[in-house]
Amino acid sequence: MLEKILIPVDGSTHNKSTFDLAKKIAANHNTKIILLNVGKLITHWTYSPVEIKNVEQKIKESSQSIVKKAKKHFKDSNLEIETKTTLGDPAIKIIDIAEKENCDMIIMHTHGMSATKRFTLGSVTNKVVHHSETPVLVVK
């Protein structure tokens, strides 16, 4: 039985097909959905500590906006939806949170916003598929 599904979201238009599939799966199993956005930290030696805090704050605000917008796709469902945001390497954080939350499945799209090639998996998706112990369903 599927109790929890993790859906990484990045604000791209690709997420809609992932949301639609997740809604169908979750509705059939009364599954909780966790929407996760991982803000990727930009590390540059030229930033002062104050500038780094400002950049981190903007990334956090952007992450909150992305998961809030993603949650709207589920407003007409009777599903339990939780949102989470964090900072760090997206693939590592997705895998870590799936494990910490005891998710039964990760559903993610083949490509996110940075995708440039249609015939290969996106780098984050590729890392998650190959390193996660949680089953991963990849949506094309």
C-alpha atoms as a PDB file:
ATOM      1  CA  MET A   1       0.000   0.000   0.000  1.00  0.00           C
ATOM      2  CA  LEU A   2       1.214   3.484  -0.833  1.00  0.00           C
ATOM      3  CA  GLU A   3       1.056   5.777   2.181  1.00  0.00           C
ATOM      4  CA  LYS A   4       3.326   8.638   1.037  1.00  0.00           C
ATOM      5  CA  ILE A   5       4.479   9.884  -2.350  1.00  0.00           C
ATOM      6  CA  LEU A   6       7.210  12.491  -2.726  1.00  0.00           C
ATOM      7  CA  ILE A   7       6.975  14.813  -5.717  1.00  0.00           C
ATOM      8  CA  PRO A   8       9.952  17.103  -6.324  1.00  0.00           C
ATOM      9  CA  VAL A   9       8.773  20.339  -7.952  1.00  0.00           C
ATOM     10  CA  ASP A  10      10.846  22.974  -9.679  1.00  0.00           C
ATOM     11  CA  GLY A  11       8.225  25.323 -11.080  1.00  0.00           C
ATOM     12  CA  SER A  12       8.590  24.062 -14.645  1.00  0.00           C
ATOM     13  CA  THR A  13       5.612  23.382 -16.893  1.00  0.00           C
ATOM     14  CA  HIS A  14       6.620  19.697 -16.961  1.00  0.00           C
ATOM     15  CA  ASN A  15       5.199  19.235 -13.467  1.00  0.00           C
ATOM     16  CA  LYS A  16       1.545  19.262 -14.609  1.00  0.00           C
ATOM     17  CA  SER A  17       1.700  15.771 -16.123  1.00  0.00           C
ATOM     18  CA  THR A  18       3.466  14.548 -12.987  1.00  0.00           C
ATOM     19  CA  PHE A  19       0.741  16.078 -10.801  1.00  0.00           C
ATOM     20  CA  ASP A  20      -2.028  14.520 -12.896  1.00  0.00           C
ATOM     21  CA  LEU A  21      -0.519  11.048 -12.622  1.00  0.00           C
ATOM     22  CA  ALA A  22       0.200  11.445  -8.904  1.00  0.00           C
ATOM     23  CA  LYS A  23      -3.413  12.498  -8.266  1.00  0.00           C
ATOM     24  CA  LYS A  24      -4.692   9.327  -9.942  1.00  0.00           C
ATOM     25  CA  ILE A  25      -2.321   7.072  -8.038  1.00  0.00           C
ATOM     26  CA  ALA A  26      -2.889   8.804  -4.699  1.00  0.00           C
ATOM     27  CA  ALA A  27      -6.684   8.839  -5.064  1.00  0.00           C
ATOM     28  CA  ASN A  28      -6.719   5.073  -5.606  1.00  0.00           C
ATOM     29  CA  HIS A  29      -4.650   4.434  -2.474  1.00  0.00           C
ATOM     30  CA  ASN A  30      -5.653   7.340  -0.183  1.00  0.00           C
ATOM     31  CA  THR A  31      -2.021   8.431  -0.261  1.00  0.00           C
ATOM     32  CA  LYS A  32      -0.450  11.518   1.276  1.00  0.00           C
ATOM     33  CA  ILE A  33       1.534  13.635  -1.192  1.00  0.00           C
ATOM     34  CA  ILE A  34       4.606  15.610  -0.199  1.00  0.00           C
ATOM     35  CA  LEU A  35       5.563  18.406  -2.598  1.00  0.00           C
ATOM     36  CA  LEU A  36       9.242  19.301  -2.278  1.00  0.00           C
ATOM     37  CA  ASN A  37      11.287  22.119  -3.743  1.00  0.00           C
ATOM     38  CA  VAL A  38      15.031  22.142  -3.253  1.00  0.00           C
ATOM     39  CA  GLY A  39      16.632  25.545  -3.676  1.00  0.00           C
ATOM     40  CA  LYS A  40      20.082  25.112  -5.112  1.00  0.00           C
ATOM     41  CA  LEU A  41      22.652  27.255  -3.368  1.00  0.00           C
ATOM     42  CA  ILE A  42      24.955  29.267  -5.564  1.00  0.00           C
ATOM     43  CA  THR A  43      28.458  29.289  -4.185  1.00  0.00           C
ATOM     44  CA  HIS A  44      30.717  32.102  -5.260  1.00  0.00           C
ATOM     45  CA  TRP A  45      33.748  33.343  -3.450  1.00  0.00           C
ATOM     46  CA  THR A  46      32.851  36.938  -4.299  1.00  0.00           C
ATOM     47  CA  TYR A  47      29.781  37.082  -2.037  1.00  0.00           C
ATOM     48  CA  SER A  48      30.093  38.616   1.393  1.00  0.00           C
ATOM     49  CA  PRO A  49      28.346  36.877   4.327  1.00  0.00           C
ATOM     50  CA  VAL A  50      25.580  39.499   4.177  1.00  0.00           C
ATOM     51  CA  GLU A  51      25.079  38.944   0.444  1.00  0.00           C
ATOM     52  CA  ILE A  52      24.982  35.170   0.963  1.00  0.00           C
ATOM     53  CA  LYS A  53      22.209  35.572   3.564  1.00  0.00           C
ATOM     54  CA  ASN A  54      20.256  37.776   1.133  1.00  0.00           C
ATOM     55  CA  VAL A  55      20.678  35.258  -1.695  1.00  0.00           C
ATOM     56  CA  GLU A  56      19.645  32.378   0.577  1.00  0.00           C
ATOM     57  CA  GLN A  57      16.563  34.316   1.691  1.00  0.00           C
ATOM     58  CA  LYS A  58      15.538  34.953  -1.927  1.00  0.00           C
ATOM     59  CA  ILE A  59      16.033  31.273  -2.769  1.00  0.00           C
ATOM     60  CA  LYS A  60      13.885  30.282   0.231  1.00  0.00           C
ATOM     61  CA  GLU A  61      11.147  32.717  -0.815  1.00  0.00           C
ATOM     62  CA  SER A  62      11.235  31.363  -4.363  1.00  0.00           C
ATOM     63  CA  SER A  63      10.996  27.781  -3.046  1.00  0.00           C
ATOM     64  CA  GLN A  64       7.976  28.675  -0.915  1.00  0.00           C
ATOM     65  CA  SER A  65       6.305  30.262  -3.937  1.00  0.00           C
ATOM     66  CA  ILE A  66       6.967  27.185  -6.093  1.00  0.00           C
ATOM     67  CA  VAL A  67       5.453  24.696  -3.622  1.00  0.00           C
ATOM     68  CA  LYS A  68       2.506  27.002  -2.921  1.00  0.00           C
ATOM     69  CA  LYS A  69       1.769  27.186  -6.648  1.00  0.00           C
ATOM     70  CA  ALA A  70       2.209  23.410  -7.010  1.00  0.00           C
ATOM     71  CA  LYS A  71      -0.230  22.771  -4.158  1.00  0.00           C
ATOM     72  CA  LYS A  72      -2.947  24.626  -6.116  1.00  0.00           C
ATOM     73  CA  HIS A  73      -2.934  21.777  -8.658  1.00  0.00           C
ATOM     74  CA  PHE A  74      -4.351  19.527  -5.933  1.00  0.00           C
ATOM     75  CA  LYS A  75      -6.989  21.908  -4.533  1.00  0.00           C
ATOM     76  CA  ASP A  76      -9.935  19.993  -6.040  1.00  0.00           C
ATOM     77  CA  SER A  77      -8.736  16.653  -4.699  1.00  0.00           C
ATOM     78  CA  ASN A  78      -9.464  15.288  -1.252  1.00  0.00           C
ATOM     79  CA  LEU A  79      -5.835  14.296  -0.854  1.00  0.00           C
ATOM     80  CA  GLU A  80      -3.610  15.226   2.052  1.00  0.00           C
ATOM     81  CA  ILE A  81      -0.901  17.519   0.675  1.00  0.00           C
ATOM     82  CA  GLU A  82       2.190  18.621   2.570  1.00  0.00           C
ATOM     83  CA  THR A  83       4.758  21.090   1.266  1.00  0.00           C
ATOM     84  CA  LYS A  84       8.450  21.166   2.106  1.00  0.00           C
ATOM     85  CA  THR A  85      11.354  23.334   1.059  1.00  0.00           C
ATOM     86  CA  THR A  86      15.046  22.971   1.690  1.00  0.00           C
ATOM     87  CA  LEU A  87      18.378  24.179   0.354  1.00  0.00           C
ATOM     88  CA  GLY A  88      21.175  22.079  -1.098  1.00  0.00           C
ATOM     89  CA  ASP A  89      21.967  19.636  -3.857  1.00  0.00           C
ATOM     90  CA  PRO A  90      18.569  18.693  -5.336  1.00  0.00           C
ATOM     91  CA  ALA A  91      19.257  14.994  -5.948  1.00  0.00           C
ATOM     92  CA  ILE A  92      20.787  14.424  -2.521  1.00  0.00           C
ATOM     93  CA  LYS A  93      17.990  16.292  -0.738  1.00  0.00           C
ATOM     94  CA  ILE A  94      15.259  14.445  -2.668  1.00  0.00           C
ATOM     95  CA  ILE A  95      16.768  11.088  -1.718  1.00  0.00           C
ATOM     96  CA  ASP A  96      17.319  12.135   1.917  1.00  0.00           C
ATOM     97  CA  ILE A  97      13.802  13.476   2.404  1.00  0.00           C
ATOM     98  CA  ALA A  98      12.219  10.439   0.740  1.00  0.00           C
ATOM     99  CA  GLU A  99      14.063   8.252   3.244  1.00  0.00           C
ATOM    100  CA  LYS A 100      13.416  10.467   6.302  1.00  0.00           C
ATOM    101  CA  GLU A 101       9.706  10.719   5.479  1.00  0.00           C
ATOM    102  CA  ASN A 102       9.450   6.980   4.754  1.00  0.00           C
ATOM    103  CA  CYS A 103       7.996   7.675   1.327  1.00  0.00           C
ATOM    104  CA  ASP A 104       6.820   4.673  -0.636  1.00  0.00           C
ATOM    105  CA  MET A 105       7.505   6.286  -3.996  1.00  0.00           C
ATOM    106  CA  ILE A 106       9.071   9.310  -5.664  1.00  0.00           C
ATOM    107  CA  ILE A 107       7.301  10.599  -8.768  1.00  0.00           C
ATOM    108  CA  MET A 108       9.286  13.032 -10.877  1.00  0.00           C
ATOM    109  CA  HIS A 109       9.553  14.267 -14.444  1.00  0.00           C
ATOM    110  CA  THR A 110      12.370  13.326 -16.789  1.00  0.00           C
ATOM    111  CA  HIS A 111      13.506  16.938 -17.036  1.00  0.00           C
ATOM    112  CA  GLY A 112      13.266  20.089 -15.004  1.00  0.00           C
ATOM    113  CA  MET A 113      13.840  23.679 -15.930  1.00  0.00           C
ATOM    114  CA  SER A 114      17.463  23.120 -16.902  1.00  0.00           C
ATOM    115  CA  ALA A 115      16.768  20.363 -19.402  1.00  0.00           C
ATOM    116  CA  THR A 116      18.383  20.825 -22.780  1.00  0.00           C
ATOM    117  CA  LYS A 117      18.188  17.328 -24.208  1.00  0.00           C
ATOM    118  CA  ARG A 118      14.973  15.408 -24.779  1.00  0.00           C
ATOM    119  CA  PHE A 119      16.541  11.994 -25.209  1.00  0.00           C
ATOM    120  CA  THR A 120      18.290  11.700 -21.856  1.00  0.00           C
ATOM    121  CA  LEU A 121      17.151  11.935 -18.288  1.00  0.00           C
ATOM    122  CA  GLY A 122      17.774  15.229 -16.550  1.00  0.00           C
ATOM    123  CA  SER A 123      20.797  15.163 -14.272  1.00  0.00           C
ATOM    124  CA  VAL A 124      18.771  15.403 -11.040  1.00  0.00           C
ATOM    125  CA  THR A 125      16.341  12.701 -12.158  1.00  0.00           C
ATOM    126  CA  ASN A 126      19.216  10.503 -13.283  1.00  0.00           C
ATOM    127  CA  LYS A 127      20.955  10.783  -9.900  1.00  0.00           C
ATOM    128  CA  VAL A 128      17.749  10.070  -7.991  1.00  0.00           C
ATOM    129  CA  VAL A 129      16.902   7.035 -10.140  1.00  0.00           C
ATOM    130  CA  HIS A 130      20.363   5.552  -9.703  1.00  0.00           C
ATOM    131  CA  HIS A 131      20.941   6.306  -6.016  1.00  0.00           C
ATOM    132  CA  SER A 132      17.561   6.232  -4.286  1.00  0.00           C
ATOM    133  CA  GLU A 133      16.439   3.172  -2.375  1.00  0.00           C
ATOM    134  CA  THR A 134      12.885   4.503  -2.656  1.00  0.00           C
ATOM    135  CA  PRO A 135      11.171   3.394  -5.893  1.00  0.00           C
ATOM    136  CA  VAL A 136      11.131   6.182  -8.495  1.00  0.00           C
ATOM    137  CA  LEU A 137       8.430   6.619 -11.127  1.00  0.00           C
ATOM    138  CA  VAL A 138       9.683   8.843 -13.939  1.00  0.00           C
ATOM    139  CA  VAL A 139       7.068  10.722 -15.958  1.00  0.00           C
ATOM    140  CA  LYS A 140       7.813  11.585 -19.560  1.00  0.00           C
END
